[in-house]
Every structure is written in structure tokens, then in C-alpha cells.
PDB file of all heavy atoms in Angstrom:
ATOM      1  N   TYR A   1     -60.042  75.616 137.504  1.00  0.00           N
ATOM      2  CA  TYR A   1     -61.155  74.888 136.909  1.00  0.00           C
ATOM      3  C   TYR A   1     -60.736  73.470 136.516  1.00  0.00           C
ATOM      4  O   TYR A   1     -61.509  72.520 136.636  1.00  0.00           O
ATOM      5  CB  TYR A   1     -61.689  75.636 135.692  1.00  0.00           C
ATOM      6  CG  TYR A   1     -62.573  76.803 136.029  1.00  0.00           C
ATOM      7  CD1 TYR A   1     -62.315  78.072 135.528  1.00  0.00           C
ATOM      8  CD2 TYR A   1     -63.680  76.628 136.862  1.00  0.00           C
ATOM      9  CE1 TYR A   1     -63.123  79.152 135.844  1.00  0.00           C
ATOM     10  CE2 TYR A   1     -64.498  77.703 137.186  1.00  0.00           C
ATOM     11  CZ  TYR A   1     -64.215  78.965 136.679  1.00  0.00           C
ATOM     12  OH  TYR A   1     -65.021  80.024 137.001  1.00  0.00           O
ATOM     13  N   ALA A   2     -59.516  73.307 136.033  1.00  0.00           N
ATOM     14  CA  ALA A   2     -59.029  71.980 135.638  1.00  0.00           C
ATOM     15  C   ALA A   2     -58.996  71.044 136.842  1.00  0.00           C
ATOM     16  O   ALA A   2     -59.404  69.888 136.768  1.00  0.00           O
ATOM     17  CB  ALA A   2     -57.649  72.084 135.005  1.00  0.00           C
ATOM     18  N   LEU A   3     -58.502  71.557 137.974  1.00  0.00           N
ATOM     19  CA  LEU A   3     -58.431  70.736 139.179  1.00  0.00           C
ATOM     20  C   LEU A   3     -59.820  70.397 139.694  1.00  0.00           C
ATOM     21  O   LEU A   3     -60.076  69.278 140.153  1.00  0.00           O
ATOM     22  CB  LEU A   3     -57.620  71.463 140.261  1.00  0.00           C
ATOM     23  CG  LEU A   3     -56.110  71.549 140.025  1.00  0.00           C
ATOM     24  CD1 LEU A   3     -55.454  72.462 141.062  1.00  0.00           C
ATOM     25  CD2 LEU A   3     -55.483  70.150 140.074  1.00  0.00           C
ATOM     26  N   GLU A   4     -60.730  71.368 139.632  1.00  0.00           N
ATOM     27  CA  GLU A   4     -62.100  71.116 140.074  1.00  0.00           C
ATOM     28  C   GLU A   4     -62.769  70.073 139.188  1.00  0.00           C
ATOM     29  O   GLU A   4     -63.486  69.193 139.655  1.00  0.00           O
ATOM     30  CB  GLU A   4     -62.908  72.419 140.079  1.00  0.00           C
ATOM     31  CG  GLU A   4     -62.539  73.367 141.199  1.00  0.00           C
ATOM     32  CD  GLU A   4     -62.900  72.812 142.559  1.00  0.00           C
ATOM     33  OE1 GLU A   4     -63.860  72.025 142.655  1.00  0.00           O
ATOM     34  OE2 GLU A   4     -62.218  73.164 143.539  1.00  0.00           O
ATOM     35  N   ALA A   5     -62.538  70.180 137.876  1.00  0.00           N
ATOM     36  CA  ALA A   5     -63.109  69.209 136.947  1.00  0.00           C
ATOM     37  C   ALA A   5     -62.556  67.821 137.214  1.00  0.00           C
ATOM     38  O   ALA A   5     -63.289  66.829 137.234  1.00  0.00           O
ATOM     39  CB  ALA A   5     -62.818  69.623 135.507  1.00  0.00           C
ATOM     40  N   GLN A   6     -61.246  67.746 137.420  1.00  0.00           N
ATOM     41  CA  GLN A   6     -60.619  66.451 137.692  1.00  0.00           C
ATOM     42  C   GLN A   6     -61.151  65.851 138.991  1.00  0.00           C
ATOM     43  O   GLN A   6     -61.417  64.642 139.073  1.00  0.00           O
ATOM     44  CB  GLN A   6     -59.101  66.617 137.773  1.00  0.00           C
ATOM     45  CG  GLN A   6     -58.351  65.292 137.852  1.00  0.00           C
ATOM     46  CD  GLN A   6     -56.861  65.476 137.767  1.00  0.00           C
ATOM     47  OE1 GLN A   6     -56.334  66.488 138.227  1.00  0.00           O
ATOM     48  NE2 GLN A   6     -56.169  64.509 137.196  1.00  0.00           N
ATOM     49  N   LYS A   7     -61.309  66.685 140.004  1.00  0.00           N
ATOM     50  CA  LYS A   7     -61.847  66.216 141.283  1.00  0.00           C
ATOM     51  C   LYS A   7     -63.269  65.688 141.113  1.00  0.00           C
ATOM     52  O   LYS A   7     -63.626  64.628 141.653  1.00  0.00           O
ATOM     53  CB  LYS A   7     -61.833  67.363 142.296  1.00  0.00           C
ATOM     54  CG  LYS A   7     -62.342  66.975 143.670  1.00  0.00           C
ATOM     55  CD  LYS A   7     -62.283  68.165 144.625  1.00  0.00           C
ATOM     56  CE  LYS A   7     -62.852  67.795 145.992  1.00  0.00           C
ATOM     57  NZ  LYS A   7     -62.822  68.972 146.915  1.00  0.00           N
ATOM     58  N   ALA A   8     -64.081  66.422 140.349  1.00  0.00           N
ATOM     59  CA  ALA A   8     -65.464  65.993 140.124  1.00  0.00           C
ATOM     60  C   ALA A   8     -65.513  64.671 139.363  1.00  0.00           C
ATOM     61  O   ALA A   8     -66.277  63.769 139.712  1.00  0.00           O
ATOM     62  CB  ALA A   8     -66.219  67.073 139.352  1.00  0.00           C
ATOM     63  N   ILE A   9     -64.691  64.546 138.328  1.00  0.00           N
ATOM     64  CA  ILE A   9     -64.676  63.323 137.529  1.00  0.00           C
ATOM     65  C   ILE A   9     -64.184  62.151 138.363  1.00  0.00           C
ATOM     66  O   ILE A   9     -64.752  61.043 138.305  1.00  0.00           O
ATOM     67  CB  ILE A   9     -63.793  63.503 136.270  1.00  0.00           C
ATOM     68  CG1 ILE A   9     -64.408  64.551 135.352  1.00  0.00           C
ATOM     69  CG2 ILE A   9     -63.644  62.176 135.520  1.00  0.00           C
ATOM     70  CD1 ILE A   9     -63.507  64.987 134.214  1.00  0.00           C
ATOM     71  N   ASN A  10     -63.136  62.362 139.155  1.00  0.00           N
ATOM     72  CA  ASN A  10     -62.633  61.294 140.018  1.00  0.00           C
ATOM     73  C   ASN A  10     -63.707  60.820 140.996  1.00  0.00           C
ATOM     74  O   ASN A  10     -63.831  59.624 141.262  1.00  0.00           O
ATOM     75  CB  ASN A  10     -61.403  61.772 140.802  1.00  0.00           C
ATOM     76  CG  ASN A  10     -60.115  61.626 140.008  1.00  0.00           C
ATOM     77  OD1 ASN A  10     -59.954  60.658 139.270  1.00  0.00           O
ATOM     78  ND2 ASN A  10     -59.210  62.573 140.151  1.00  0.00           N
ATOM     79  N   GLY A  11     -64.463  61.777 141.529  1.00  0.00           N
ATOM     80  CA  GLY A  11     -65.530  61.410 142.447  1.00  0.00           C
ATOM     81  C   GLY A  11     -66.605  60.579 141.772  1.00  0.00           C
ATOM     82  O   GLY A  11     -67.080  59.582 142.324  1.00  0.00           O
ATOM     83  N   LYS A  12     -66.999  60.985 140.561  1.00  0.00           N
ATOM     84  CA  LYS A  12     -68.014  60.243 139.824  1.00  0.00           C
ATOM     85  C   LYS A  12     -67.504  58.850 139.462  1.00  0.00           C
ATOM     86  O   LYS A  12     -68.231  57.857 139.565  1.00  0.00           O
ATOM     87  CB  LYS A  12     -68.389  61.009 138.552  1.00  0.00           C
ATOM     88  CG  LYS A  12     -69.009  62.374 138.780  1.00  0.00           C
ATOM     89  CD  LYS A  12     -70.390  62.273 139.369  1.00  0.00           C
ATOM     90  CE  LYS A  12     -71.061  63.647 139.431  1.00  0.00           C
ATOM     91  NZ  LYS A  12     -72.416  63.576 139.993  1.00  0.00           N
ATOM     92  N   ARG A  13     -66.239  58.785 139.013  1.00  0.00           N
ATOM     93  CA  ARG A  13     -65.685  57.479 138.639  1.00  0.00           C
ATOM     94  C   ARG A  13     -65.603  56.562 139.855  1.00  0.00           C
ATOM     95  O   ARG A  13     -65.934  55.379 139.780  1.00  0.00           O
ATOM     96  CB  ARG A  13     -64.281  57.651 138.036  1.00  0.00           C
ATOM     97  CG  ARG A  13     -63.712  56.334 137.525  1.00  0.00           C
ATOM     98  CD  ARG A  13     -62.246  56.403 137.155  1.00  0.00           C
ATOM     99  NE  ARG A  13     -61.801  55.155 136.560  1.00  0.00           N
ATOM    100  CZ  ARG A  13     -61.474  54.081 137.258  1.00  0.00           C
ATOM    101  NH1 ARG A  13     -61.550  54.101 138.583  1.00  0.00           N
ATOM    102  NH2 ARG A  13     -61.069  52.968 136.636  1.00  0.00           N
ATOM    103  N   SER A  14     -65.153  57.101 140.974  1.00  0.00           N
ATOM    104  CA  SER A  14     -65.030  56.298 142.195  1.00  0.00           C
ATOM    105  C   SER A  14     -66.371  55.728 142.622  1.00  0.00           C
ATOM    106  O   SER A  14     -66.472  54.552 142.998  1.00  0.00           O
ATOM    107  CB  SER A  14     -64.432  57.156 143.311  1.00  0.00           C
ATOM    108  OG  SER A  14     -64.345  56.425 144.513  1.00  0.00           O
ATOM    109  N   ALA A  15     -67.416  56.556 142.551  1.00  0.00           N
ATOM    110  CA  ALA A  15     -68.752  56.089 142.924  1.00  0.00           C
ATOM    111  C   ALA A  15     -69.235  55.006 141.961  1.00  0.00           C
ATOM    112  O   ALA A  15     -69.826  54.004 142.374  1.00  0.00           O
ATOM    113  CB  ALA A  15     -69.733  57.264 142.936  1.00  0.00           C
ATOM    114  N   ALA A  16     -68.975  55.205 140.662  1.00  0.00           N
ATOM    115  CA  ALA A  16     -69.396  54.217 139.666  1.00  0.00           C
ATOM    116  C   ALA A  16     -68.662  52.898 139.859  1.00  0.00           C
ATOM    117  O   ALA A  16     -69.251  51.814 139.762  1.00  0.00           O
ATOM    118  CB  ALA A  16     -69.148  54.759 138.251  1.00  0.00           C
ATOM    119  N   VAL A  17     -67.360  52.970 140.148  1.00  0.00           N
ATOM    120  CA  VAL A  17     -66.567  51.752 140.368  1.00  0.00           C
ATOM    121  C   VAL A  17     -67.051  51.014 141.607  1.00  0.00           C
ATOM    122  O   VAL A  17     -67.214  49.785 141.605  1.00  0.00           O
ATOM    123  CB  VAL A  17     -65.069  52.093 140.489  1.00  0.00           C
ATOM    124  CG1 VAL A  17     -64.281  50.923 141.059  1.00  0.00           C
ATOM    125  CG2 VAL A  17     -64.509  52.487 139.131  1.00  0.00           C
ATOM    126  N   SER A  18     -67.277  51.747 142.687  1.00  0.00           N
ATOM    127  CA  SER A  18     -67.714  51.125 143.933  1.00  0.00           C
ATOM    128  C   SER A  18     -69.014  50.361 143.741  1.00  0.00           C
ATOM    129  O   SER A  18     -69.163  49.219 144.205  1.00  0.00           O
ATOM    130  CB  SER A  18     -67.881  52.194 145.013  1.00  0.00           C
ATOM    131  OG  SER A  18     -68.333  51.625 146.215  1.00  0.00           O
ATOM    132  N   LYS A  19     -69.941  50.979 143.032  1.00  0.00           N
ATOM    133  CA  LYS A  19     -71.240  50.342 142.806  1.00  0.00           C
ATOM    134  C   LYS A  19     -71.094  49.133 141.891  1.00  0.00           C
ATOM    135  O   LYS A  19     -71.703  48.080 142.126  1.00  0.00           O
ATOM    136  CB  LYS A  19     -72.188  51.366 142.190  1.00  0.00           C
ATOM    137  CG  LYS A  19     -73.645  51.184 142.579  1.00  0.00           C
ATOM    138  CD  LYS A  19     -74.413  52.434 142.204  1.00  0.00           C
ATOM    139  CE  LYS A  19     -75.847  52.336 142.646  1.00  0.00           C
ATOM    140  NZ  LYS A  19     -76.604  53.539 142.280  1.00  0.00           N
ATOM    141  N   ALA A  20     -70.276  49.252 140.840  1.00  0.00           N
ATOM    142  CA  ALA A  20     -70.067  48.135 139.918  1.00  0.00           C
ATOM    143  C   ALA A  20     -69.416  46.959 140.624  1.00  0.00           C
ATOM    144  O   ALA A  20     -69.798  45.800 140.411  1.00  0.00           O
ATOM    145  CB  ALA A  20     -69.223  48.581 138.733  1.00  0.00           C
ATOM    146  N   VAL A  21     -68.448  47.247 141.485  1.00  0.00           N
ATOM    147  CA  VAL A  21     -67.776  46.170 142.228  1.00  0.00           C
ATOM    148  C   VAL A  21     -68.766  45.460 143.147  1.00  0.00           C
ATOM    149  O   VAL A  21     -68.745  44.226 143.268  1.00  0.00           O
ATOM    150  CB  VAL A  21     -66.580  46.737 143.027  1.00  0.00           C
ATOM    151  CG1 VAL A  21     -66.049  45.715 144.029  1.00  0.00           C
ATOM    152  CG2 VAL A  21     -65.468  47.155 142.073  1.00  0.00           C
ATOM    153  N   ASP A  22     -69.638  46.218 143.801  1.00  0.00           N
ATOM    154  CA  ASP A  22     -70.658  45.601 144.659  1.00  0.00           C
ATOM    155  C   ASP A  22     -71.543  44.642 143.859  1.00  0.00           C
ATOM    156  O   ASP A  22     -71.857  43.538 144.314  1.00  0.00           O
ATOM    157  CB  ASP A  22     -71.530  46.675 145.312  1.00  0.00           C
ATOM    158  CG  ASP A  22     -70.809  47.413 146.427  1.00  0.00           C
ATOM    159  OD1 ASP A  22     -69.778  46.895 146.908  1.00  0.00           O
ATOM    160  OD2 ASP A  22     -71.272  48.502 146.807  1.00  0.00           O
ATOM    161  N   VAL A  23     -71.952  45.078 142.667  1.00  0.00           N
ATOM    162  CA  VAL A  23     -72.841  44.245 141.857  1.00  0.00           C
ATOM    163  C   VAL A  23     -72.098  43.037 141.304  1.00  0.00           C
ATOM    164  O   VAL A  23     -72.628  41.915 141.294  1.00  0.00           O
ATOM    165  CB  VAL A  23     -73.482  45.072 140.726  1.00  0.00           C
ATOM    166  CG1 VAL A  23     -74.366  44.191 139.847  1.00  0.00           C
ATOM    167  CG2 VAL A  23     -74.308  46.217 141.307  1.00  0.00           C
ATOM    168  N   LEU A  24     -70.869  43.230 140.858  1.00  0.00           N
ATOM    169  CA  LEU A  24     -70.068  42.101 140.375  1.00  0.00           C
ATOM    170  C   LEU A  24     -69.912  41.054 141.470  1.00  0.00           C
ATOM    171  O   LEU A  24     -70.019  39.842 141.222  1.00  0.00           O
ATOM    172  CB  LEU A  24     -68.696  42.586 139.917  1.00  0.00           C
ATOM    173  CG  LEU A  24     -68.650  43.334 138.580  1.00  0.00           C
ATOM    174  CD1 LEU A  24     -67.332  44.091 138.439  1.00  0.00           C
ATOM    175  CD2 LEU A  24     -68.831  42.368 137.409  1.00  0.00           C
ATOM    176  N   THR A  25     -69.668  41.507 142.695  1.00  0.00           N
ATOM    177  CA  THR A  25     -69.525  40.583 143.822  1.00  0.00           C
ATOM    178  C   THR A  25     -70.830  39.868 144.110  1.00  0.00           C
ATOM    179  O   THR A  25     -70.853  38.661 144.381  1.00  0.00           O
ATOM    180  CB  THR A  25     -69.047  41.355 145.065  1.00  0.00           C
ATOM    181  OG1 THR A  25     -67.856  42.075 144.756  1.00  0.00           O
ATOM    182  CG2 THR A  25     -68.775  40.409 146.217  1.00  0.00           C
ATOM    183  N   GLN A  26     -71.922  40.627 144.028  1.00  0.00           N
ATOM    184  CA  GLN A  26     -73.243  40.024 144.255  1.00  0.00           C
ATOM    185  C   GLN A  26     -73.530  38.928 143.241  1.00  0.00           C
ATOM    186  O   GLN A  26     -73.951  37.829 143.596  1.00  0.00           O
ATOM    187  CB  GLN A  26     -74.307  41.122 144.149  1.00  0.00           C
ATOM    188  CG  GLN A  26     -75.738  40.633 144.268  1.00  0.00           C
ATOM    189  CD  GLN A  26     -76.280  40.798 145.668  1.00  0.00           C
ATOM    190  OE1 GLN A  26     -75.557  40.639 146.645  1.00  0.00           O
ATOM    191  NE2 GLN A  26     -77.531  41.116 145.772  1.00  0.00           N
ATOM    192  N   VAL A  27     -73.309  39.208 141.972  1.00  0.00           N
ATOM    193  CA  VAL A  27     -73.576  38.226 140.923  1.00  0.00           C
ATOM    194  C   VAL A  27     -72.636  37.031 141.076  1.00  0.00           C
ATOM    195  O   VAL A  27     -73.028  35.879 140.864  1.00  0.00           O
ATOM    196  CB  VAL A  27     -73.443  38.865 139.530  1.00  0.00           C
ATOM    197  CG1 VAL A  27     -73.691  37.837 138.437  1.00  0.00           C
ATOM    198  CG2 VAL A  27     -74.417  40.032 139.379  1.00  0.00           C
ATOM    199  N   ALA A  28     -71.387  37.302 141.456  1.00  0.00           N
ATOM    200  CA  ALA A  28     -70.434  36.216 141.682  1.00  0.00           C
ATOM    201  C   ALA A  28     -70.917  35.283 142.784  1.00  0.00           C
ATOM    202  O   ALA A  28     -70.771  34.060 142.685  1.00  0.00           O
ATOM    203  CB  ALA A  28     -69.061  36.787 142.039  1.00  0.00           C
ATOM    204  N   GLU A  29     -71.513  35.842 143.831  1.00  0.00           N
ATOM    205  CA  GLU A  29     -72.032  35.022 144.926  1.00  0.00           C
ATOM    206  C   GLU A  29     -73.180  34.132 144.458  1.00  0.00           C
ATOM    207  O   GLU A  29     -73.291  32.970 144.866  1.00  0.00           O
ATOM    208  CB  GLU A  29     -72.489  35.932 146.067  1.00  0.00           C
ATOM    209  CG  GLU A  29     -71.336  36.611 146.787  1.00  0.00           C
ATOM    210  CD  GLU A  29     -71.791  37.702 147.736  1.00  0.00           C
ATOM    211  OE1 GLU A  29     -72.982  38.074 147.692  1.00  0.00           O
ATOM    212  OE2 GLU A  29     -70.957  38.178 148.516  1.00  0.00           O
ATOM    213  N   VAL A  30     -74.019  34.683 143.590  1.00  0.00           N
ATOM    214  CA  VAL A  30     -75.129  33.889 143.054  1.00  0.00           C
ATOM    215  C   VAL A  30     -74.588  32.717 142.236  1.00  0.00           C
ATOM    216  O   VAL A  30     -75.048  31.573 142.362  1.00  0.00           O
ATOM    217  CB  VAL A  30     -76.070  34.767 142.203  1.00  0.00           C
ATOM    218  CG1 VAL A  30     -77.156  33.917 141.555  1.00  0.00           C
ATOM    219  CG2 VAL A  30     -76.705  35.863 143.060  1.00  0.00           C
ATOM    220  N   HIS A  31     -73.594  33.000 141.385  1.00  0.00           N
ATOM    221  CA  HIS A  31     -73.001  31.931 140.574  1.00  0.00           C
ATOM    222  C   HIS A  31     -72.286  30.897 141.445  1.00  0.00           C
ATOM    223  O   HIS A  31     -72.346  29.694 141.178  1.00  0.00           O
ATOM    224  CB  HIS A  31     -72.029  32.527 139.548  1.00  0.00           C
ATOM    225  CG  HIS A  31     -72.698  33.116 138.351  1.00  0.00           C
ATOM    226  ND1 HIS A  31     -73.436  32.361 137.464  1.00  0.00           N
ATOM    227  CD2 HIS A  31     -72.747  34.399 137.885  1.00  0.00           C
ATOM    228  CE1 HIS A  31     -73.911  33.143 136.501  1.00  0.00           C
ATOM    229  NE2 HIS A  31     -73.511  34.384 136.746  1.00  0.00           N
ATOM    230  N   TYR A  32     -71.610  31.360 142.496  1.00  0.00           N
ATOM    231  CA  TYR A  32     -70.912  30.436 143.384  1.00  0.00           C
ATOM    232  C   TYR A  32     -71.913  29.496 144.059  1.00  0.00           C
ATOM    233  O   TYR A  32     -71.670  28.290 144.158  1.00  0.00           O
ATOM    234  CB  TYR A  32     -70.122  31.222 144.424  1.00  0.00           C
ATOM    235  CG  TYR A  32     -69.210  30.374 145.274  1.00  0.00           C
ATOM    236  CD1 TYR A  32     -67.868  30.222 144.947  1.00  0.00           C
ATOM    237  CD2 TYR A  32     -69.675  29.724 146.416  1.00  0.00           C
ATOM    238  CE1 TYR A  32     -67.013  29.453 145.724  1.00  0.00           C
ATOM    239  CE2 TYR A  32     -68.839  28.947 147.189  1.00  0.00           C
ATOM    240  CZ  TYR A  32     -67.508  28.808 146.846  1.00  0.00           C
ATOM    241  OH  TYR A  32     -66.682  28.032 147.623  1.00  0.00           O
ATOM    242  N   ALA A  33     -73.014  30.062 144.520  1.00  0.00           N
ATOM    243  CA  ALA A  33     -74.039  29.238 145.177  1.00  0.00           C
ATOM    244  C   ALA A  33     -74.608  28.187 144.231  1.00  0.00           C
ATOM    245  O   ALA A  33     -75.057  27.123 144.670  1.00  0.00           O
ATOM    246  CB  ALA A  33     -75.156  30.133 145.706  1.00  0.00           C
ATOM    247  N   ALA A  34     -74.583  28.479 142.910  1.00  0.00           N
ATOM    248  CA  ALA A  34     -75.074  27.528 141.912  1.00  0.00           C
ATOM    249  C   ALA A  34     -73.948  26.637 141.378  1.00  0.00           C
ATOM    250  O   ALA A  34     -74.142  25.921 140.390  1.00  0.00           O
ATOM    251  CB  ALA A  34     -75.727  28.280 140.760  1.00  0.00           C
ATOM    252  N   SER A  35     -72.778  26.670 142.037  1.00  0.00           N
ATOM    253  CA  SER A  35     -71.607  25.865 141.666  1.00  0.00           C
ATOM    254  C   SER A  35     -71.009  26.265 140.316  1.00  0.00           C
ATOM    255  O   SER A  35     -70.283  25.475 139.701  1.00  0.00           O
ATOM    256  CB  SER A  35     -71.949  24.364 141.665  1.00  0.00           C
ATOM    257  OG  SER A  35     -72.386  23.952 142.945  1.00  0.00           O
ATOM    258  N   ASN A  36     -71.295  27.494 139.858  1.00  0.00           N
ATOM    259  CA  ASN A  36     -70.693  28.005 138.624  1.00  0.00           C
ATOM    260  C   ASN A  36     -69.412  28.757 138.992  1.00  0.00           C
ATOM    261  O   ASN A  36     -69.334  29.990 138.927  1.00  0.00           O
ATOM    262  CB  ASN A  36     -71.668  28.932 137.887  1.00  0.00           C
ATOM    263  CG  ASN A  36     -72.950  28.231 137.496  1.00  0.00           C
ATOM    264  OD1 ASN A  36     -72.937  27.044 137.178  1.00  0.00           O
ATOM    265  ND2 ASN A  36     -74.057  28.954 137.529  1.00  0.00           N
ATOM    266  N   TYR A  37     -68.406  27.995 139.389  1.00  0.00           N
ATOM    267  CA  TYR A  37     -67.217  28.602 139.982  1.00  0.00           C
ATOM    268  C   TYR A  37     -66.399  29.407 138.976  1.00  0.00           C
ATOM    269  O   TYR A  37     -65.806  30.427 139.336  1.00  0.00           O
ATOM    270  CB  TYR A  37     -66.358  27.509 140.637  1.00  0.00           C
ATOM    271  CG  TYR A  37     -67.126  26.702 141.646  1.00  0.00           C
ATOM    272  CD1 TYR A  37     -67.264  25.314 141.508  1.00  0.00           C
ATOM    273  CD2 TYR A  37     -67.733  27.315 142.740  1.00  0.00           C
ATOM    274  CE1 TYR A  37     -67.982  24.570 142.420  1.00  0.00           C
ATOM    275  CE2 TYR A  37     -68.463  26.575 143.661  1.00  0.00           C
ATOM    276  CZ  TYR A  37     -68.584  25.207 143.499  1.00  0.00           C
ATOM    277  OH  TYR A  37     -69.305  24.476 144.404  1.00  0.00           O
ATOM    278  N   ALA A  38     -66.328  28.952 137.732  1.00  0.00           N
ATOM    279  CA  ALA A  38     -65.563  29.695 136.718  1.00  0.00           C
ATOM    280  C   ALA A  38     -66.199  31.055 136.456  1.00  0.00           C
ATOM    281  O   ALA A  38     -65.495  32.075 136.331  1.00  0.00           O
ATOM    282  CB  ALA A  38     -65.478  28.884 135.429  1.00  0.00           C
ATOM    283  N   ASP A  39     -67.536  31.096 136.361  1.00  0.00           N
ATOM    284  CA  ASP A  39     -68.232  32.373 136.149  1.00  0.00           C
ATOM    285  C   ASP A  39     -68.036  33.291 137.354  1.00  0.00           C
ATOM    286  O   ASP A  39     -67.816  34.499 137.201  1.00  0.00           O
ATOM    287  CB  ASP A  39     -69.722  32.134 135.925  1.00  0.00           C
ATOM    288  CG  ASP A  39     -70.012  31.463 134.594  1.00  0.00           C
ATOM    289  OD1 ASP A  39     -69.166  31.564 133.683  1.00  0.00           O
ATOM    290  OD2 ASP A  39     -71.069  30.818 134.472  1.00  0.00           O
ATOM    291  N   SER A  40     -68.112  32.716 138.546  1.00  0.00           N
ATOM    292  CA  SER A  40     -67.914  33.498 139.760  1.00  0.00           C
ATOM    293  C   SER A  40     -66.514  34.085 139.793  1.00  0.00           C
ATOM    294  O   SER A  40     -66.326  35.276 140.106  1.00  0.00           O
ATOM    295  CB  SER A  40     -68.149  32.615 140.989  1.00  0.00           C
ATOM    296  OG  SER A  40     -68.005  33.367 142.179  1.00  0.00           O
ATOM    297  N   LEU A  41     -65.521  33.292 139.444  1.00  0.00           N
ATOM    298  CA  LEU A  41     -64.135  33.755 139.448  1.00  0.00           C
ATOM    299  C   LEU A  41     -63.925  34.891 138.450  1.00  0.00           C
ATOM    300  O   LEU A  41     -63.246  35.884 138.750  1.00  0.00           O
ATOM    301  CB  LEU A  41     -63.197  32.596 139.116  1.00  0.00           C
ATOM    302  CG  LEU A  41     -61.707  32.939 139.000  1.00  0.00           C
ATOM    303  CD1 LEU A  41     -61.182  33.532 140.299  1.00  0.00           C
ATOM    304  CD2 LEU A  41     -60.907  31.701 138.594  1.00  0.00           C
TER     305      LEU A  41
END
């Protein structure tokens, strides 16, 4: 059960990270296009 729980949590975390990274990149692109390079970085 411990291994199954860990596997499930890792899967949920991985999905959450992947989605957050996509959105962070998207927002960074918007800031870059507006010449807000420090915010994008």
C-alpha cells in the first residue's frame, strides 16, 4: 500500500508540475513579448 500510495502521489505531482510549467512558460512568453524581460526570466 505504501508503494501504491507513493506511485499515485508521484503521478499527481508530476501532472501538476507539468501543467504549472506550461503555464509559467506561457505567461513568460506574454511578458517577453511586452519587453518585460525580468518578469519573463
